[in-house]
Amino acid sequence: MAEPAVVADRLSKRFGALTALDGLDLAVERGEVFGYLGPNGAGKTTTIRLLLDALRPSEGSVAVLGGAPRDPAIRARVGYLPAELHIDPRYTAHDVLDFFGALRGGLDRHYASRLCERFALDPSRRAGELSTGNRRKIGVVQAFVHRPELLVLDEPTSGLDPLLQHQFHELVREAVGDGATVFLSSHTLPEVETLAHRVGILRRGVLVDIATVDELRDRARQRIELHVDGDSAIAAGVFDDVAGVVSATADGEVVHLVVEGSVDAALKAASQLTVVRIITLDTDLEDIFLAYYRDDAQ
């Protein structure tokens, strides 16, 4: 089995009395998209800076692509898109790509042109003339243009319109299909659900959970509306003590169910009713994440 793309061993970072990252143990496997989530201040950006050698650990160690992040040969194999990309307003996309290309030992101009076309980016315009979304496109292109083995992406679709977000997701899938690994930090939960194989949840500098998206989805609460023929208040009582049913409330002719885990027992209980219509609302991971984050918000 190939060595993981990222290995953190008891990785910690302190700033004076503040512990930004506390004993992170993590292995990101080759070829996976790893979602890295947490509220503001959880330690996500600190982790990314440690991966890129922009910070050095207070304790523990981190290895990237089998080597030390400080090694220039390793850095050349990594693509990075920061959450806030600062570009000299005098520079064009051509200038930015040429600059990074020189650092990496060359630029595939044909592929760079294809990426610019794909994201509707005019590479001859100065950054100071561009909107936030168009400057974001420069960041996307520079991160992918050298076909890196590891992509570290921090809020990558911020500022992109929905069509270009879709293009970005396709680009990530293509990169992974070619063997790349993606370390994705994002607040956009649908994006994480769409792209990630596994998710790590960070809270106050501590990694509190790692699971596949399917495992997290199995834990997520599902919301179901049952439109019934009859008294919905009586119908709601059918779900008392039914396994997995967190709540059953009546509203007119509708019973609103919140179910955790499997809906099998709830649907069997519903067979006692005359159900005219069933509406299942989209299940997402928001409830799971909020359960981890809620204490931080208080």
Protein backbone atom coordinates (compact mmCIF):
# COMPACT_ATOMS: atom_id res chain seq x y z
CA MET A 1 0.00 0.00 0.00
CA ALA A 2 1.30 3.45 -0.91
CA GLU A 3 2.44 5.76 1.87
CA PRO A 4 -0.27 8.29 2.84
CA ALA A 5 -0.10 11.70 1.20
CA VAL A 6 -0.28 13.44 4.59
CA VAL A 7 0.73 12.04 7.98
CA ALA A 8 0.42 14.07 11.17
CA ASP A 9 1.80 12.54 14.37
CA ARG A 10 0.81 14.28 17.63
CA LEU A 11 1.01 17.53 15.71
CA SER A 12 0.57 20.57 17.95
CA LYS A 13 0.98 24.30 17.60
CA ARG A 14 0.92 26.86 20.38
CA PHE A 15 1.00 30.64 20.21
CA GLY A 16 1.97 31.67 23.72
CA ALA A 17 -0.82 30.48 26.02
CA LEU A 18 -3.10 29.64 23.09
CA THR A 19 -3.08 26.06 21.79
CA ALA A 20 -4.30 26.33 18.20
CA LEU A 21 -3.76 22.65 17.38
CA ASP A 22 -3.52 19.92 19.99
CA GLY A 23 -2.05 16.48 19.27
CA LEU A 24 -3.38 15.93 15.75
CA ASP A 25 -3.03 12.33 14.54
CA LEU A 26 -4.10 12.03 10.93
CA ALA A 27 -3.37 10.08 7.78
CA VAL A 28 -4.78 11.23 4.44
CA GLU A 29 -4.57 8.41 1.95
CA ARG A 30 -3.36 8.78 -1.61
CA GLY A 31 -6.13 9.47 -4.10
CA GLU A 32 -8.80 10.54 -1.61
CA VAL A 33 -10.59 13.83 -1.05
CA PHE A 34 -10.37 14.54 2.66
CA GLY A 35 -12.77 17.14 4.01
CA TYR A 36 -11.43 19.13 6.95
CA LEU A 37 -14.16 20.95 8.82
CA GLY A 38 -14.58 23.11 11.86
CA PRO A 39 -15.87 26.50 12.97
CA ASN A 40 -13.77 29.64 12.76
CA GLY A 41 -10.87 29.39 15.18
CA ALA A 42 -10.93 25.59 15.32
CA GLY A 43 -7.39 25.26 13.95
CA LYS A 44 -7.99 24.48 10.28
CA THR A 45 -5.80 27.25 8.89
CA THR A 46 -3.09 26.46 11.42
CA THR A 47 -3.09 22.85 10.21
CA ILE A 48 -2.81 23.95 6.59
CA ARG A 49 0.09 26.28 7.36
CA LEU A 50 1.88 23.43 9.12
CA LEU A 51 1.35 21.21 6.05
CA LEU A 52 2.90 23.92 3.88
CA ASP A 53 5.76 24.73 6.29
CA ALA A 54 4.46 28.28 6.71
CA LEU A 55 4.48 27.38 10.43
CA ARG A 56 6.66 24.96 12.35
CA PRO A 57 5.20 22.56 14.96
CA SER A 58 5.47 23.18 18.68
CA GLU A 59 5.34 19.40 19.12
CA GLY A 60 4.91 16.37 16.93
CA SER A 61 5.62 16.07 13.23
CA VAL A 62 4.03 16.20 9.80
CA ALA A 63 5.04 14.49 6.56
CA VAL A 64 3.75 15.42 3.11
CA LEU A 65 4.12 13.10 0.10
CA GLY A 66 6.60 11.06 2.06
CA GLY A 67 8.90 13.97 2.90
CA ALA A 68 9.32 17.12 4.93
CA PRO A 69 7.10 20.08 3.97
CA ARG A 70 10.15 22.38 4.03
CA ASP A 71 11.79 20.45 1.15
CA PRO A 72 11.49 22.52 -2.08
CA ALA A 73 11.15 19.30 -4.09
CA ILE A 74 8.10 18.39 -2.00
CA ARG A 75 6.61 21.87 -2.28
CA ALA A 76 6.82 21.68 -6.07
CA ARG A 77 4.45 18.69 -5.95
CA VAL A 78 1.80 20.52 -3.92
CA GLY A 79 -0.92 22.87 -5.19
CA TYR A 80 -2.33 25.39 -2.75
CA LEU A 81 -5.36 27.67 -2.90
CA PRO A 82 -5.64 29.90 0.20
CA ALA A 83 -8.94 31.17 1.54
CA GLU A 84 -7.79 34.74 0.89
CA LEU A 85 -5.66 35.14 -2.20
CA HIS A 86 -3.70 38.37 -2.36
CA ILE A 87 -2.47 39.32 -5.84
CA ASP A 88 -0.58 42.48 -6.71
CA PRO A 89 -3.21 44.52 -8.61
CA ARG A 90 -0.63 45.28 -11.32
CA TYR A 91 -0.20 41.58 -12.17
CA THR A 92 -2.15 39.71 -14.82
CA ALA A 93 -3.02 36.03 -14.61
CA HIS A 94 -0.20 35.48 -17.11
CA ASP A 95 2.20 37.15 -14.68
CA VAL A 96 1.03 35.03 -11.75
CA LEU A 97 1.24 31.76 -13.69
CA ASP A 98 4.67 32.62 -15.10
CA PHE A 99 5.95 33.49 -11.62
CA PHE A 100 4.82 30.25 -10.02
CA GLY A 101 5.84 28.30 -13.11
CA ALA A 102 9.39 29.62 -12.73
CA LEU A 103 9.45 28.52 -9.09
CA ARG A 104 8.28 25.05 -10.06
CA GLY A 105 10.67 24.61 -12.95
CA GLY A 106 8.36 25.29 -15.88
CA LEU A 107 4.82 26.03 -17.01
CA ASP A 108 2.66 23.96 -19.35
CA ARG A 109 1.25 26.92 -21.27
CA HIS A 110 -1.16 24.81 -23.30
CA TYR A 111 -2.74 23.35 -20.16
CA ALA A 112 -2.76 26.81 -18.52
CA SER A 113 -4.67 28.20 -21.51
CA ARG A 114 -7.16 25.34 -21.34
CA LEU A 115 -7.82 26.02 -17.65
CA CYS A 116 -8.25 29.74 -18.28
CA GLU A 117 -10.76 29.00 -21.05
CA ARG A 118 -12.58 26.52 -18.86
CA PHE A 119 -13.06 29.14 -16.13
CA ALA A 120 -13.72 32.01 -18.53
CA LEU A 121 -10.63 33.83 -17.28
CA ASP A 122 -9.00 36.48 -19.44
CA PRO A 123 -5.31 36.03 -18.51
CA SER A 124 -4.29 39.39 -19.99
CA ARG A 125 -6.30 41.57 -17.58
CA ARG A 126 -4.67 43.02 -14.48
CA ALA A 127 -5.86 41.70 -11.13
CA GLY A 128 -6.81 45.22 -10.05
CA GLU A 129 -9.41 45.31 -12.85
CA LEU A 130 -11.01 42.00 -11.84
CA SER A 131 -13.92 41.13 -9.59
CA THR A 132 -13.41 38.96 -6.51
CA GLY A 133 -14.71 35.94 -8.43
CA ASN A 134 -12.32 36.49 -11.32
CA ARG A 135 -9.36 36.86 -8.97
CA ARG A 136 -10.47 33.58 -7.40
CA LYS A 137 -10.23 31.97 -10.81
CA ILE A 138 -6.55 32.92 -10.97
CA GLY A 139 -6.05 31.10 -7.69
CA VAL A 140 -7.80 27.98 -8.96
CA VAL A 141 -5.76 27.87 -12.16
CA GLN A 142 -2.40 28.39 -10.39
CA ALA A 143 -3.24 25.62 -7.89
CA PHE A 144 -4.05 23.03 -10.57
CA VAL A 145 -1.87 24.05 -13.52
CA HIS A 146 1.19 21.99 -12.58
CA ARG A 147 -0.91 18.84 -11.98
CA PRO A 148 0.18 18.49 -8.34
CA GLU A 149 0.11 15.21 -6.44
CA LEU A 150 -1.45 16.94 -3.42
CA LEU A 151 -3.95 19.81 -3.55
CA VAL A 152 -4.52 21.82 -0.38
CA LEU A 153 -7.70 23.84 -0.91
CA ASP A 154 -9.00 26.33 1.65
CA GLU A 155 -12.57 27.54 0.94
CA PRO A 156 -11.87 27.00 -2.77
CA THR A 157 -15.20 28.02 -4.30
CA SER A 158 -15.67 31.22 -2.31
CA GLY A 159 -16.64 33.92 -4.80
CA LEU A 160 -17.36 31.55 -7.70
CA ASP A 161 -20.81 31.49 -9.25
CA PRO A 162 -22.75 28.17 -9.26
CA LEU A 163 -21.74 27.26 -12.83
CA LEU A 164 -18.05 27.72 -12.06
CA GLN A 165 -18.44 25.87 -8.77
CA HIS A 166 -19.66 22.93 -10.84
CA GLN A 167 -16.65 23.28 -13.14
CA PHE A 168 -14.40 23.32 -10.09
CA HIS A 169 -15.95 20.14 -8.72
CA GLU A 170 -15.39 18.45 -12.08
CA LEU A 171 -11.76 19.60 -12.05
CA VAL A 172 -11.26 18.09 -8.59
CA ARG A 173 -12.75 14.79 -9.72
CA GLU A 174 -10.49 14.74 -12.77
CA ALA A 175 -7.43 15.44 -10.64
CA VAL A 176 -8.34 12.63 -8.24
CA GLY A 177 -8.99 10.35 -11.21
CA ASP A 178 -5.42 11.06 -12.31
CA GLY A 179 -4.12 10.05 -8.88
CA ALA A 180 -4.04 13.35 -6.96
CA THR A 181 -4.97 13.70 -3.30
CA VAL A 182 -7.11 16.61 -2.08
CA PHE A 183 -7.11 18.16 1.38
CA LEU A 184 -10.27 20.28 1.37
CA SER A 185 -11.22 22.81 4.02
CA SER A 186 -14.67 24.25 3.41
CA HIS A 187 -17.68 25.72 5.20
CA THR A 188 -19.88 24.69 2.27
CA LEU A 189 -21.42 21.43 3.47
CA PRO A 190 -23.01 20.41 0.13
CA GLU A 191 -19.55 20.78 -1.44
CA VAL A 192 -18.03 18.48 1.16
CA GLU A 193 -20.83 15.95 0.70
CA THR A 194 -20.34 16.07 -3.07
CA LEU A 195 -16.56 15.71 -3.14
CA ALA A 196 -15.18 14.17 0.04
CA HIS A 197 -14.54 10.50 0.72
CA ARG A 198 -13.81 11.07 4.40
CA VAL A 199 -14.33 13.97 6.75
CA GLY A 200 -12.36 15.11 9.78
CA ILE A 201 -14.11 17.38 12.28
CA LEU A 202 -11.94 19.78 14.25
CA ARG A 203 -13.10 21.52 17.42
CA ARG A 204 -10.99 23.87 19.52
CA GLY A 205 -7.81 22.47 18.03
CA VAL A 206 -8.76 18.83 18.63
CA LEU A 207 -9.77 16.32 15.97
CA VAL A 208 -13.01 14.98 17.44
CA ASP A 209 -14.12 12.62 14.67
CA ILE A 210 -13.12 11.06 11.36
CA ALA A 211 -15.71 9.23 9.28
CA THR A 212 -16.77 8.61 5.73
CA VAL A 213 -19.48 10.86 4.36
CA ASP A 214 -21.81 7.84 4.21
CA GLU A 215 -21.17 7.09 7.88
CA LEU A 216 -21.95 10.68 8.81
CA ARG A 217 -25.04 10.66 6.64
CA ASP A 218 -26.28 7.54 8.44
CA ARG A 219 -26.07 9.51 11.70
CA ALA A 220 -27.81 12.58 10.27
CA ARG A 221 -31.41 13.28 11.15
CA GLN A 222 -33.96 12.96 8.37
CA ARG A 223 -37.10 15.03 8.13
CA ILE A 224 -40.27 13.50 6.73
CA GLU A 225 -43.69 15.02 6.15
CA LEU A 226 -46.67 12.64 6.18
CA HIS A 227 -49.88 14.09 4.75
CA VAL A 228 -52.59 12.00 6.37
CA ASP A 229 -56.32 11.51 5.95
CA GLY A 230 -57.62 12.22 9.43
CA ASP A 231 -56.58 13.91 12.63
CA SER A 232 -52.84 14.53 12.45
CA ALA A 233 -52.60 14.96 16.23
CA ILE A 234 -53.87 11.42 16.71
CA ALA A 235 -51.66 10.21 13.86
CA ALA A 236 -48.58 11.71 15.51
CA GLY A 237 -49.25 9.56 18.56
CA VAL A 238 -48.59 6.44 16.48
CA PHE A 239 -44.89 7.31 16.59
CA ASP A 240 -44.55 7.42 20.36
CA ASP A 241 -41.63 5.20 21.39
CA VAL A 242 -40.87 4.17 17.78
CA ALA A 243 -37.17 3.43 17.32
CA GLY A 244 -35.28 6.29 15.72
CA VAL A 245 -38.11 8.84 15.90
CA VAL A 246 -36.77 11.93 17.65
CA SER A 247 -40.00 13.90 17.33
CA ALA A 248 -43.46 13.66 15.75
CA THR A 249 -45.52 16.83 15.62
CA ALA A 250 -48.89 17.63 14.08
CA ASP A 251 -49.73 20.63 11.88
CA GLY A 252 -53.13 20.58 10.19
CA GLU A 253 -53.20 17.39 8.12
CA VAL A 254 -49.45 16.91 8.25
CA VAL A 255 -47.29 14.90 10.66
CA HIS A 256 -43.73 16.18 10.79
CA LEU A 257 -41.21 13.47 11.69
CA VAL A 258 -37.57 13.84 12.65
CA VAL A 259 -35.80 10.48 12.42
CA GLU A 260 -32.27 9.63 13.44
CA GLY A 261 -30.64 6.76 11.57
CA SER A 262 -32.80 4.20 9.78
CA VAL A 263 -36.38 5.17 8.88
CA ASP A 264 -37.51 1.54 8.71
CA ALA A 265 -39.37 1.49 12.04
CA ALA A 266 -41.00 4.86 11.33
CA LEU A 267 -42.31 3.72 7.95
CA LYS A 268 -43.68 0.51 9.43
CA ALA A 269 -45.51 2.55 12.08
CA ALA A 270 -46.85 4.85 9.33
CA SER A 271 -48.50 1.83 7.67
CA GLN A 272 -51.18 2.06 10.38
CA LEU A 273 -52.26 5.41 8.94
CA THR A 274 -53.98 6.51 5.76
CA VAL A 275 -51.08 8.40 4.21
CA VAL A 276 -52.02 10.56 1.22
CA ARG A 277 -48.55 11.88 0.50
CA ILE A 278 -44.99 11.52 1.77
CA ILE A 279 -42.40 14.29 1.41
CA THR A 280 -38.81 13.58 2.39
CA LEU A 281 -36.72 16.68 2.87
CA ASP A 282 -33.10 16.64 1.76
CA THR A 283 -30.81 15.05 4.31
CA ASP A 284 -27.54 16.87 4.89
CA LEU A 285 -24.77 16.81 7.45
CA GLU A 286 -25.63 20.12 9.08
CA ASP A 287 -27.16 18.60 12.21
CA ILE A 288 -24.10 16.44 12.79
CA PHE A 289 -21.73 19.37 12.47
CA LEU A 290 -23.89 21.66 14.59
CA ALA A 291 -23.86 19.07 17.36
CA TYR A 292 -20.07 19.32 17.45
CA TYR A 293 -19.98 23.10 17.12
CA ARG A 294 -22.85 24.14 19.37
CA ASP A 295 -20.78 24.46 22.55
CA ASP A 296 -18.33 26.76 20.76
CA ALA A 297 -21.17 29.10 19.78
CA GLN A 298 -22.47 29.46 23.32
